[in-house]
Amino acid sequence: MNTLEMLEVVEHQETSVREEEVQTSNGKGSDVCALPPLKKIWIDLDNSPHVPFFIPIIKELEKRGFSILLTARDAFQVSELIRLHGLKCRSIGRHYGKHTIAKIFGLAVRVLQLLPIAAMGKPHLAVAHCSRAQAIACMALRIPTLWISDYEFAKGLPFLKVDWLLVPEVIPSDSVGLKPDRVLKYPGIKEDVYVPTFQPNASIRAQLGLHKDHLVVTMRPPAEEAHYHSRRSDELFRAAMDYLSEQSQLRVVILPRNDRQGERIRRTWPGLFETGQAIVPSHAVDGLNLIWHSDLVISGGGTMNREAAALGVPVYSIFGGTIGAVDKYLAGAGRLTLLETPHDVRTKIQLVHRDLGNGPTNHDHAALTAIVENIVKVSNGCTVN
């Protein structure tokens, strides 16, 4: 496909951009610096965990007088979560699969799709949780960029540059490939941004056909199309599924990354589905609510592991890649169990009912406050300490 054809694709897809309603909160918050009226922040939702993460950030920025330009990539469950939360968002681009050439092509197409949106929107600052397409578009348009990241081993692109990087305090500044004076910090983990506002809803068990005597395991398979995917993650996932299939007293709620992965899981473990032991929700569910009403979580993805840790739910990681500082911190604090071999699956996982008690106890808003204040400072051109 030549450049003209790619531009025609962009033009065609732009005419079908979907916009949906969002409930915005108004009000005035404390200023960190002098705040010019209606400064615009461009936030790009590149993956499903970014949806719940950015919702409280968006609300706080709007309270402080910012307007938000919100875009999203139609990948994994992003579009479903946008609808679930009622966000007003422009859906731009999609996922092109796990092969390198397809990823590069998809990245180039999405950059071309984002360029006219950003050029017309004229944001003062672009913020994302590592959106490569947004960063490249900002380089072309000279829009300042602030990336938020919680995994120091994520692969970038040789030519890709961002102006600021905001990471958890437990990640060393010299491990992220940016000058230390451009690395900002926030306390805790990124899941602490939205977990404190979580309110449980017990109806999810009935919706999924789960009874009170069922021992519920939430399972998140590895991200097979991610650049950090490893064969060891697949090996640990198979070992965990084999182990769970031997336990008749439990129910496994599986959250596949996409339909293809879900179909493959059904073909590989048909007995689990025939007996009703395994469930794949037919629609997007509130991940935090599902985790809270589970007895334990087994996941090959960092976000769900950390969400469970933030909620105090027993969680076992089958992530086989390089372990980052955040997961090491959680494991060291006894809030996350790292599974390294199939033997660990059978010896470390404890299949016991969990007492939900009186509800979540994490009400600390320090992470949210620090992230929002850093965004405000950068946007206003203030010196960030």
Foldseek 3Di string as FASTA:
>chain_A
DDPVVLLVVLVVVVVVWDWWAADADEAADDAPDDDDAAAEEEEEAEAQVQLLLCPLLRNVVRHNHYHYAYEYEAFQCNVQVCVVNGHGYTHAFYDQFQDPVSRVVRLVSRLSNCLVVCVVVVHQEYEYQDDQSVQVSCVVVVRAYEHEYEFQPADDDPVGDHQAYEYAPLADQVSRPDPSQRYHYFYDHSLLQRLLVDDADVCVCVVQVHDPQAQEEEEEQAPPRGPQADVQLVQLVVLLVVVLVVDPRHAYEYEYRDPVRVVVVCVVCVVCVVVRRYHYDPGDDDLLNSLLPHQEYEYLDDPSLVSNLQQQHAYEYSPAGDDGSNVVVCVVVVSYHYDHHSVCSVVVDDRDGDDSPPGGDSNDNRRSVSVSNVVSCVSVVHRDD
